[in-house]
Amino acid sequence: MKHPVYSEMQPQLIKTLGLYQVAGGLVGIIIIVWGIFKNGTFSLQVLLMYLLVILFFAYSIYAGICCLYNKKNALQVSLINQLLQLFSFAVMGYAFKYASGIYLSIGIDFTDSYDFSVGAGISSFTFNFNIETERLEIEINLIALALILWIDRLIKKTKVKAEVKAINTIGNTQV
């Protein structure tokens, strides 16, 4: 279902967000598929892990399609997609990093001392389980943060416009 208020609010920017999310998801899936064939190891556990990664990138594509087709839940789905990309971490052998599209991150590595880092790239996914147990670091994706703030502002504007529209229709009912 199309959302009438979205069509009034920066429709080209929402479509651009959609294209960005679709492109990021497609690039991520291409990288993963390339990694599957490059790795050559096809155990059930490895294939399930690849499937999990592909699902993350598929969600980004879904969020982008929602934006492109002006769906009612487009901004909420996109917000969730960006929240998943906001933080990366590595602690006690577990690590998680997901970026669909361009990322620019700043972080701190506490492993040996306080090392500050800056990173940039395109569509990345890391999930470690019981590897590098001494590693301790956290990163924040600045692109995802900016998109989260922008999407949140649009969601608030959408709610206000919908409320104003509902109030305006109260006196205009035909009997």
N, C-alpha and C. Protein backbone atom coordinates (compact mmCIF):
# COMPACT_ATOMS: atom_id res chain seq x y z
N MET A 1 0.83 -1.18 0.00
CA MET A 1 0.00 0.00 0.00
C MET A 1 0.88 1.24 0.00
N LYS A 2 0.59 2.16 -0.91
CA LYS A 2 1.35 3.40 -0.97
C LYS A 2 0.96 4.30 0.18
N HIS A 3 1.91 5.07 0.65
CA HIS A 3 1.66 5.99 1.74
C HIS A 3 1.51 7.38 1.15
N PRO A 4 0.32 8.00 1.24
CA PRO A 4 0.10 9.30 0.59
C PRO A 4 0.97 10.42 1.16
N VAL A 5 1.32 10.36 2.41
CA VAL A 5 2.10 11.44 3.00
C VAL A 5 3.54 11.38 2.50
N TYR A 6 4.09 10.16 2.29
CA TYR A 6 5.45 10.05 1.78
C TYR A 6 5.59 10.71 0.42
N SER A 7 4.55 10.61 -0.39
CA SER A 7 4.63 11.16 -1.73
C SER A 7 4.73 12.69 -1.70
N GLU A 8 4.28 13.31 -0.62
CA GLU A 8 4.37 14.76 -0.49
C GLU A 8 5.72 15.19 0.08
N MET A 9 6.43 14.28 0.72
CA MET A 9 7.64 14.63 1.46
C MET A 9 8.90 14.09 0.78
N GLN A 10 9.62 14.94 0.13
CA GLN A 10 10.90 14.60 -0.44
C GLN A 10 10.89 13.25 -1.15
N PRO A 11 10.00 13.03 -2.10
CA PRO A 11 9.90 11.72 -2.73
C PRO A 11 11.18 11.30 -3.44
N GLN A 12 11.89 12.25 -4.03
CA GLN A 12 13.11 11.89 -4.75
C GLN A 12 14.20 11.42 -3.78
N LEU A 13 14.28 12.03 -2.60
CA LEU A 13 15.28 11.60 -1.62
C LEU A 13 14.95 10.21 -1.08
N ILE A 14 13.68 9.92 -0.88
CA ILE A 14 13.29 8.59 -0.39
C ILE A 14 13.59 7.55 -1.47
N LYS A 15 13.36 7.88 -2.73
CA LYS A 15 13.70 6.95 -3.81
C LYS A 15 15.21 6.76 -3.91
N THR A 16 15.97 7.83 -3.67
CA THR A 16 17.43 7.73 -3.67
C THR A 16 17.89 6.81 -2.54
N LEU A 17 17.28 6.95 -1.38
CA LEU A 17 17.57 6.04 -0.26
C LEU A 17 17.27 4.60 -0.68
N GLY A 18 16.16 4.41 -1.38
CA GLY A 18 15.80 3.08 -1.86
C GLY A 18 16.84 2.52 -2.81
N LEU A 19 17.29 3.32 -3.77
CA LEU A 19 18.32 2.88 -4.71
C LEU A 19 19.62 2.53 -3.98
N TYR A 20 19.98 3.35 -3.00
CA TYR A 20 21.19 3.12 -2.20
C TYR A 20 21.11 1.77 -1.47
N GLN A 21 19.96 1.50 -0.86
CA GLN A 21 19.80 0.25 -0.11
C GLN A 21 19.77 -0.97 -1.03
N VAL A 22 19.11 -0.85 -2.18
CA VAL A 22 19.10 -1.96 -3.14
C VAL A 22 20.51 -2.21 -3.67
N ALA A 23 21.20 -1.15 -4.06
CA ALA A 23 22.56 -1.30 -4.59
C ALA A 23 23.50 -1.89 -3.54
N GLY A 24 23.40 -1.41 -2.30
CA GLY A 24 24.25 -1.95 -1.23
C GLY A 24 23.98 -3.42 -0.99
N GLY A 25 22.71 -3.81 -0.99
CA GLY A 25 22.34 -5.21 -0.80
C GLY A 25 22.83 -6.09 -1.93
N LEU A 26 22.69 -5.61 -3.17
CA LEU A 26 23.15 -6.39 -4.33
C LEU A 26 24.66 -6.56 -4.32
N VAL A 27 25.39 -5.48 -4.02
CA VAL A 27 26.85 -5.58 -3.94
C VAL A 27 27.25 -6.57 -2.85
N GLY A 28 26.58 -6.50 -1.71
CA GLY A 28 26.87 -7.43 -0.62
C GLY A 28 26.64 -8.87 -1.01
N ILE A 29 25.53 -9.15 -1.69
CA ILE A 29 25.24 -10.52 -2.12
C ILE A 29 26.26 -10.99 -3.15
N ILE A 30 26.64 -10.11 -4.07
CA ILE A 30 27.66 -10.47 -5.07
C ILE A 30 28.98 -10.81 -4.38
N ILE A 31 29.37 -10.02 -3.39
CA ILE A 31 30.61 -10.29 -2.65
C ILE A 31 30.51 -11.63 -1.94
N ILE A 32 29.37 -11.93 -1.33
CA ILE A 32 29.20 -13.19 -0.61
C ILE A 32 29.24 -14.38 -1.57
N VAL A 33 28.53 -14.27 -2.68
CA VAL A 33 28.52 -15.37 -3.67
C VAL A 33 29.93 -15.59 -4.21
N TRP A 34 30.64 -14.50 -4.48
CA TRP A 34 32.03 -14.62 -4.93
C TRP A 34 32.86 -15.33 -3.86
N GLY A 35 32.64 -14.97 -2.58
CA GLY A 35 33.36 -15.62 -1.48
C GLY A 35 33.05 -17.11 -1.37
N ILE A 36 31.81 -17.48 -1.64
CA ILE A 36 31.42 -18.90 -1.59
C ILE A 36 32.23 -19.69 -2.62
N PHE A 37 32.29 -19.18 -3.84
CA PHE A 37 33.01 -19.90 -4.89
C PHE A 37 34.52 -19.84 -4.70
N LYS A 38 35.01 -18.75 -4.14
CA LYS A 38 36.45 -18.63 -3.89
C LYS A 38 36.88 -19.57 -2.77
N ASN A 39 36.04 -19.69 -1.74
CA ASN A 39 36.36 -20.53 -0.59
C ASN A 39 36.39 -22.00 -0.98
N GLY A 40 35.39 -22.44 -1.68
CA GLY A 40 35.35 -23.82 -2.15
C GLY A 40 34.94 -24.84 -1.09
N THR A 41 34.80 -24.43 0.16
CA THR A 41 34.39 -25.33 1.23
C THR A 41 32.88 -25.24 1.38
N PHE A 42 32.21 -26.39 1.28
CA PHE A 42 30.75 -26.38 1.31
C PHE A 42 30.20 -27.32 2.37
N SER A 43 30.49 -27.06 3.62
CA SER A 43 29.87 -27.84 4.69
C SER A 43 28.51 -27.19 5.00
N LEU A 44 27.66 -27.90 5.68
CA LEU A 44 26.34 -27.39 6.03
C LEU A 44 26.46 -26.14 6.90
N GLN A 45 27.38 -26.16 7.85
CA GLN A 45 27.56 -25.00 8.73
C GLN A 45 28.00 -23.76 7.95
N VAL A 46 28.90 -23.94 7.02
CA VAL A 46 29.39 -22.82 6.22
C VAL A 46 28.27 -22.27 5.35
N LEU A 47 27.51 -23.15 4.72
CA LEU A 47 26.41 -22.70 3.88
C LEU A 47 25.32 -21.99 4.68
N LEU A 48 25.04 -22.46 5.90
CA LEU A 48 24.07 -21.78 6.75
C LEU A 48 24.56 -20.39 7.15
N MET A 49 25.85 -20.27 7.39
CA MET A 49 26.42 -18.96 7.72
C MET A 49 26.31 -18.01 6.53
N TYR A 50 26.62 -18.50 5.34
CA TYR A 50 26.46 -17.68 4.14
C TYR A 50 24.99 -17.28 3.95
N LEU A 51 24.08 -18.18 4.22
CA LEU A 51 22.65 -17.88 4.10
C LEU A 51 22.25 -16.75 5.06
N LEU A 52 22.76 -16.80 6.29
CA LEU A 52 22.49 -15.74 7.26
C LEU A 52 22.97 -14.39 6.73
N VAL A 53 24.16 -14.36 6.19
CA VAL A 53 24.72 -13.12 5.66
C VAL A 53 23.88 -12.62 4.48
N ILE A 54 23.48 -13.53 3.60
CA ILE A 54 22.67 -13.15 2.45
C ILE A 54 21.33 -12.57 2.91
N LEU A 55 20.78 -13.10 4.00
CA LEU A 55 19.51 -12.58 4.52
C LEU A 55 19.64 -11.13 4.97
N PHE A 56 20.76 -10.77 5.57
CA PHE A 56 20.99 -9.38 5.96
C PHE A 56 20.96 -8.47 4.72
N PHE A 57 21.69 -8.86 3.68
CA PHE A 57 21.73 -8.05 2.47
C PHE A 57 20.39 -8.07 1.74
N ALA A 58 19.67 -9.19 1.80
CA ALA A 58 18.34 -9.25 1.20
C ALA A 58 17.38 -8.30 1.92
N TYR A 59 17.54 -8.16 3.23
CA TYR A 59 16.71 -7.21 3.97
C TYR A 59 16.97 -5.79 3.50
N SER A 60 18.22 -5.47 3.20
CA SER A 60 18.55 -4.15 2.67
C SER A 60 17.86 -3.93 1.33
N ILE A 61 17.84 -4.96 0.49
CA ILE A 61 17.16 -4.85 -0.80
C ILE A 61 15.67 -4.65 -0.58
N TYR A 62 15.08 -5.39 0.35
CA TYR A 62 13.66 -5.24 0.67
C TYR A 62 13.35 -3.81 1.14
N ALA A 63 14.20 -3.27 2.02
CA ALA A 63 14.00 -1.90 2.50
C ALA A 63 14.06 -0.91 1.34
N GLY A 64 15.00 -1.13 0.44
CA GLY A 64 15.12 -0.25 -0.72
C GLY A 64 13.91 -0.32 -1.63
N ILE A 65 13.39 -1.53 -1.85
CA ILE A 65 12.21 -1.70 -2.70
C ILE A 65 11.01 -1.01 -2.06
N CYS A 66 10.89 -1.10 -0.74
CA CYS A 66 9.79 -0.41 -0.05
C CYS A 66 9.87 1.10 -0.30
N CYS A 67 11.06 1.66 -0.30
CA CYS A 67 11.23 3.09 -0.57
C CYS A 67 10.91 3.41 -2.03
N LEU A 68 11.38 2.58 -2.94
CA LEU A 68 11.16 2.83 -4.36
C LEU A 68 9.69 2.78 -4.74
N TYR A 69 8.94 1.91 -4.07
CA TYR A 69 7.52 1.77 -4.38
C TYR A 69 6.62 2.54 -3.41
N ASN A 70 7.23 3.42 -2.60
CA ASN A 70 6.47 4.31 -1.73
C ASN A 70 5.55 3.54 -0.77
N LYS A 71 6.06 2.45 -0.22
CA LYS A 71 5.25 1.63 0.68
C LYS A 71 5.10 2.33 2.03
N LYS A 72 4.01 2.02 2.71
CA LYS A 72 3.69 2.66 3.99
C LYS A 72 4.78 2.43 5.03
N ASN A 73 5.40 1.24 5.03
CA ASN A 73 6.40 0.90 6.04
C ASN A 73 7.84 1.20 5.60
N ALA A 74 8.02 1.91 4.50
CA ALA A 74 9.35 2.12 3.93
C ALA A 74 10.34 2.74 4.91
N LEU A 75 9.93 3.79 5.58
CA LEU A 75 10.86 4.47 6.49
C LEU A 75 11.18 3.62 7.72
N GLN A 76 10.19 2.91 8.23
CA GLN A 76 10.43 2.06 9.41
C GLN A 76 11.38 0.91 9.06
N VAL A 77 11.17 0.28 7.91
CA VAL A 77 12.02 -0.82 7.48
C VAL A 77 13.44 -0.31 7.21
N SER A 78 13.54 0.86 6.60
CA SER A 78 14.85 1.45 6.34
C SER A 78 15.57 1.83 7.63
N LEU A 79 14.80 2.32 8.60
CA LEU A 79 15.39 2.65 9.89
C LEU A 79 15.99 1.41 10.56
N ILE A 80 15.27 0.31 10.53
CA ILE A 80 15.79 -0.94 11.10
C ILE A 80 17.05 -1.37 10.36
N ASN A 81 17.03 -1.26 9.04
CA ASN A 81 18.22 -1.64 8.25
C ASN A 81 19.43 -0.81 8.65
N GLN A 82 19.24 0.48 8.85
CA GLN A 82 20.37 1.34 9.23
C GLN A 82 20.81 1.09 10.68
N LEU A 83 19.85 0.81 11.56
CA LEU A 83 20.22 0.51 12.95
C LEU A 83 21.09 -0.74 13.04
N LEU A 84 20.83 -1.73 12.19
CA LEU A 84 21.66 -2.94 12.17
C LEU A 84 23.10 -2.63 11.75
N GLN A 85 23.29 -1.54 11.04
CA GLN A 85 24.61 -1.17 10.53
C GLN A 85 25.35 -0.17 11.42
N LEU A 86 24.69 0.34 12.44
CA LEU A 86 25.24 1.45 13.22
C LEU A 86 26.50 1.07 14.00
N PHE A 87 26.46 -0.03 14.72
CA PHE A 87 27.58 -0.42 15.56
C PHE A 87 28.23 -1.71 15.08
N SER A 88 29.55 -1.75 15.18
CA SER A 88 30.32 -2.97 14.97
C SER A 88 31.09 -3.21 16.25
N PHE A 89 31.31 -4.47 16.58
CA PHE A 89 32.03 -4.75 17.81
C PHE A 89 32.79 -6.07 17.71
N ALA A 90 33.77 -6.19 18.56
CA ALA A 90 34.50 -7.45 18.76
C ALA A 90 34.80 -7.52 20.25
N VAL A 91 34.30 -8.57 20.90
CA VAL A 91 34.50 -8.71 22.33
C VAL A 91 34.51 -10.20 22.70
N MET A 92 35.51 -10.62 23.44
CA MET A 92 35.64 -11.98 23.97
C MET A 92 35.41 -13.07 22.92
N GLY A 93 35.94 -12.86 21.73
CA GLY A 93 35.86 -13.87 20.69
C GLY A 93 34.67 -13.75 19.76
N TYR A 94 33.77 -12.83 20.04
CA TYR A 94 32.59 -12.64 19.19
C TYR A 94 32.71 -11.29 18.49
N ALA A 95 32.36 -11.27 17.21
CA ALA A 95 32.45 -10.02 16.46
C ALA A 95 31.27 -9.93 15.50
N PHE A 96 30.82 -8.69 15.27
CA PHE A 96 29.73 -8.43 14.34
C PHE A 96 29.98 -7.11 13.64
N LYS A 97 29.87 -7.13 12.32
CA LYS A 97 29.93 -5.91 11.52
C LYS A 97 29.08 -6.14 10.28
N TYR A 98 28.15 -5.22 10.04
CA TYR A 98 27.29 -5.30 8.86
C TYR A 98 27.19 -3.91 8.26
N ALA A 99 27.51 -3.81 6.99
CA ALA A 99 27.37 -2.56 6.26
C ALA A 99 26.87 -2.89 4.87
N SER A 100 25.75 -2.31 4.51
CA SER A 100 25.17 -2.51 3.18
C SER A 100 25.21 -1.17 2.47
N GLY A 101 26.13 -1.04 1.55
CA GLY A 101 26.36 0.24 0.89
C GLY A 101 27.68 0.81 1.38
N ILE A 102 27.81 2.08 1.27
CA ILE A 102 29.04 2.76 1.67
C ILE A 102 29.06 2.89 3.19
N TYR A 103 30.23 2.64 3.77
CA TYR A 103 30.36 2.89 5.20
C TYR A 103 31.60 3.73 5.47
N LEU A 104 31.50 4.56 6.47
CA LEU A 104 32.61 5.35 6.99
C LEU A 104 32.52 5.19 8.50
N SER A 105 33.53 4.56 9.07
CA SER A 105 33.44 4.25 10.50
C SER A 105 34.61 4.84 11.27
N ILE A 106 34.32 5.14 12.53
CA ILE A 106 35.36 5.50 13.48
C ILE A 106 35.24 4.52 14.64
N GLY A 107 36.37 4.20 15.22
CA GLY A 107 36.31 3.22 16.29
C GLY A 107 37.48 3.30 17.24
N ILE A 108 37.38 2.49 18.27
CA ILE A 108 38.44 2.39 19.28
C ILE A 108 38.74 0.92 19.48
N ASP A 109 40.03 0.60 19.43
CA ASP A 109 40.50 -0.76 19.70
C ASP A 109 41.17 -0.74 21.07
N PHE A 110 40.56 -1.48 22.00
CA PHE A 110 41.06 -1.53 23.37
C PHE A 110 41.95 -2.75 23.62
N THR A 111 42.29 -3.51 22.60
CA THR A 111 42.99 -4.78 22.77
C THR A 111 44.32 -4.60 23.50
N ASP A 112 45.20 -3.77 22.99
CA ASP A 112 46.50 -3.57 23.62
C ASP A 112 46.60 -2.21 24.30
N SER A 113 45.94 -1.23 23.73
CA SER A 113 45.92 0.13 24.29
C SER A 113 44.69 0.81 23.69
N TYR A 114 44.70 2.11 23.63
CA TYR A 114 43.61 2.84 23.01
C TYR A 114 44.04 3.26 21.61
N ASP A 115 43.68 2.47 20.63
CA ASP A 115 43.99 2.80 19.24
C ASP A 115 42.72 3.25 18.55
N PHE A 116 42.77 4.47 18.03
CA PHE A 116 41.62 4.99 17.30
C PHE A 116 41.76 4.60 15.83
N SER A 117 40.62 4.30 15.22
CA SER A 117 40.67 3.87 13.82
C SER A 117 39.60 4.58 13.02
N VAL A 118 39.87 4.69 11.73
CA VAL A 118 38.92 5.22 10.77
C VAL A 118 38.89 4.21 9.62
N GLY A 119 37.70 3.85 9.20
CA GLY A 119 37.58 2.89 8.11
C GLY A 119 36.54 3.32 7.11
N ALA A 120 36.70 2.88 5.89
CA ALA A 120 35.74 3.17 4.83
C ALA A 120 35.70 1.99 3.89
N GLY A 121 34.55 1.80 3.27
CA GLY A 121 34.43 0.71 2.32
C GLY A 121 33.02 0.59 1.81
N ILE A 122 32.74 -0.55 1.22
CA ILE A 122 31.43 -0.79 0.65
C ILE A 122 30.98 -2.20 1.00
N SER A 123 29.74 -2.33 1.40
CA SER A 123 29.07 -3.60 1.72
C SER A 123 30.01 -4.64 2.34
N SER A 124 29.91 -4.77 3.63
CA SER A 124 30.78 -5.67 4.37
C SER A 124 29.97 -6.42 5.42
N PHE A 125 30.41 -7.63 5.73
CA PHE A 125 29.78 -8.39 6.80
C PHE A 125 30.84 -9.22 7.49
N THR A 126 30.88 -9.13 8.81
CA THR A 126 31.77 -9.94 9.63
C THR A 126 30.99 -10.52 10.78
N PHE A 127 31.13 -11.80 10.97
CA PHE A 127 30.53 -12.45 12.13
C PHE A 127 31.52 -13.51 12.60
N ASN A 128 32.10 -13.27 13.75
CA ASN A 128 33.07 -14.21 14.33
C ASN A 128 32.48 -14.85 15.57
N PHE A 129 32.76 -16.11 15.71
CA PHE A 129 32.27 -16.87 16.86
C PHE A 129 33.46 -17.60 17.46
N ASN A 130 33.88 -17.15 18.65
CA ASN A 130 34.98 -17.76 19.38
C ASN A 130 36.30 -17.68 18.61
N ILE A 131 36.57 -16.53 18.01
CA ILE A 131 37.82 -16.28 17.29
C ILE A 131 38.41 -14.99 17.84
N GLU A 132 39.71 -14.95 18.01
CA GLU A 132 40.41 -13.77 18.53
C GLU A 132 39.80 -13.32 19.85
N THR A 133 39.88 -14.18 20.85
CA THR A 133 39.24 -13.92 22.14
C THR A 133 39.82 -12.71 22.86
N GLU A 134 41.04 -12.31 22.53
CA GLU A 134 41.65 -11.16 23.19
C GLU A 134 41.23 -9.83 22.57
N ARG A 135 40.63 -9.86 21.42
CA ARG A 135 40.26 -8.65 20.68
C ARG A 135 39.09 -7.93 21.36
N LEU A 136 39.22 -6.60 21.52
CA LEU A 136 38.17 -5.78 22.11
C LEU A 136 38.13 -4.44 21.37
N GLU A 137 37.07 -4.25 20.57
CA GLU A 137 36.95 -3.00 19.83
C GLU A 137 35.49 -2.71 19.53
N ILE A 138 35.23 -1.43 19.26
CA ILE A 138 33.89 -0.98 18.89
C ILE A 138 34.04 0.09 17.83
N GLU A 139 33.11 0.08 16.86
CA GLU A 139 33.10 1.07 15.79
C GLU A 139 31.68 1.59 15.61
N ILE A 140 31.59 2.80 15.10
CA ILE A 140 30.29 3.36 14.74
C ILE A 140 30.35 3.79 13.27
N ASN A 141 29.31 3.43 12.53
CA ASN A 141 29.21 3.74 11.11
C ASN A 141 28.56 5.13 10.98
N LEU A 142 29.33 6.10 10.53
CA LEU A 142 28.84 7.48 10.46
C LEU A 142 27.79 7.67 9.36
N ILE A 143 27.90 6.90 8.27
CA ILE A 143 26.89 6.99 7.21
C ILE A 143 25.55 6.49 7.75
N ALA A 144 25.56 5.35 8.43
CA ALA A 144 24.32 4.81 9.02
C ALA A 144 23.75 5.78 10.05
N LEU A 145 24.61 6.40 10.85
CA LEU A 145 24.15 7.36 11.85
C LEU A 145 23.44 8.54 11.18
N ALA A 146 24.03 9.08 10.13
CA ALA A 146 23.41 10.20 9.42
C ALA A 146 22.06 9.79 8.82
N LEU A 147 22.01 8.61 8.24
CA LEU A 147 20.75 8.14 7.66
C LEU A 147 19.69 7.89 8.73
N ILE A 148 20.09 7.38 9.88
CA ILE A 148 19.15 7.16 10.98
C ILE A 148 18.54 8.48 11.43
N LEU A 149 19.36 9.49 11.60
CA LEU A 149 18.87 10.80 12.03
C LEU A 149 17.92 11.39 10.98
N TRP A 150 18.26 11.26 9.71
CA TRP A 150 17.42 11.79 8.64
C TRP A 150 16.09 11.03 8.56
N ILE A 151 16.15 9.70 8.61
CA ILE A 151 14.93 8.88 8.55
C ILE A 151 14.03 9.17 9.75
N ASP A 152 14.63 9.30 10.92
CA ASP A 152 13.85 9.60 12.13
C ASP A 152 13.13 10.94 11.99
N ARG A 153 13.81 11.93 11.45
CA ARG A 153 13.19 13.23 11.22
C ARG A 153 12.03 13.12 10.23
N LEU A 154 12.21 12.33 9.17
CA LEU A 154 11.13 12.13 8.20
C LEU A 154 9.94 11.41 8.82
N ILE A 155 10.20 10.42 9.66
CA ILE A 155 9.11 9.69 10.33
C ILE A 155 8.30 10.65 11.19
N LYS A 156 8.99 11.52 11.94
CA LYS A 156 8.29 12.50 12.78
C LYS A 156 7.47 13.47 11.94
N LYS A 157 8.05 13.95 10.83
CA LYS A 157 7.30 14.85 9.95
C LYS A 157 6.08 14.15 9.37
N THR A 158 6.24 12.88 9.03
CA THR A 158 5.13 12.11 8.46
C THR A 158 3.99 11.99 9.45
N LYS A 159 4.32 11.72 10.71
CA LYS A 159 3.28 11.62 11.74
C LYS A 159 2.55 12.95 11.92
N VAL A 160 3.29 14.04 11.94
CA VAL A 160 2.67 15.36 12.10
C VAL A 160 1.76 15.66 10.91
N LYS A 161 2.24 15.42 9.70
CA LYS A 161 1.41 15.69 8.51
C LYS A 161 0.16 14.82 8.50
N ALA A 162 0.28 13.56 8.91
CA ALA A 162 -0.88 12.67 8.94
C ALA A 162 -1.89 13.16 9.97
N GLU A 163 -1.41 13.64 11.13
CA GLU A 163 -2.31 14.16 12.16
C GLU A 163 -3.02 15.43 11.67
N VAL A 164 -2.28 16.32 11.03
CA VAL A 164 -2.88 17.55 10.51
C VAL A 164 -3.92 17.21 9.44
N LYS A 165 -3.59 16.27 8.58
CA LYS A 165 -4.53 15.86 7.54
C LYS A 165 -5.80 15.26 8.15
N ALA A 166 -5.64 14.45 9.20
CA ALA A 166 -6.80 13.84 9.87
C ALA A 166 -7.66 14.92 10.53
N ILE A 167 -7.03 15.90 11.16
CA ILE A 167 -7.77 16.98 11.82
C ILE A 167 -8.51 17.81 10.78
N ASN A 168 -7.87 18.08 9.66
CA ASN A 168 -8.50 18.88 8.60
C ASN A 168 -9.71 18.19 7.98
N THR A 169 -9.73 16.88 7.99
CA THR A 169 -10.86 16.16 7.40
C THR A 169 -12.06 16.08 8.33
N ILE A 170 -11.89 16.40 9.61
CA ILE A 170 -12.99 16.31 10.56
C ILE A 170 -14.13 17.24 10.17
N GLY A 171 -13.85 18.45 9.81
CA GLY A 171 -14.89 19.41 9.47
C GLY A 171 -15.38 19.32 8.04
N ASN A 172 -14.72 18.49 7.23
CA ASN A 172 -15.05 18.44 5.80
C ASN A 172 -15.86 17.19 5.43
N THR A 173 -16.51 16.55 6.37
CA THR A 173 -17.29 15.35 6.06
C THR A 173 -18.62 15.74 5.43
N GLN A 174 -19.02 15.01 4.43
CA GLN A 174 -20.30 15.21 3.75
C GLN A 174 -21.36 14.35 4.38
N VAL A 175 -22.56 14.91 4.59
CA VAL A 175 -23.67 14.16 5.18
C VAL A 175 -24.65 13.80 4.11
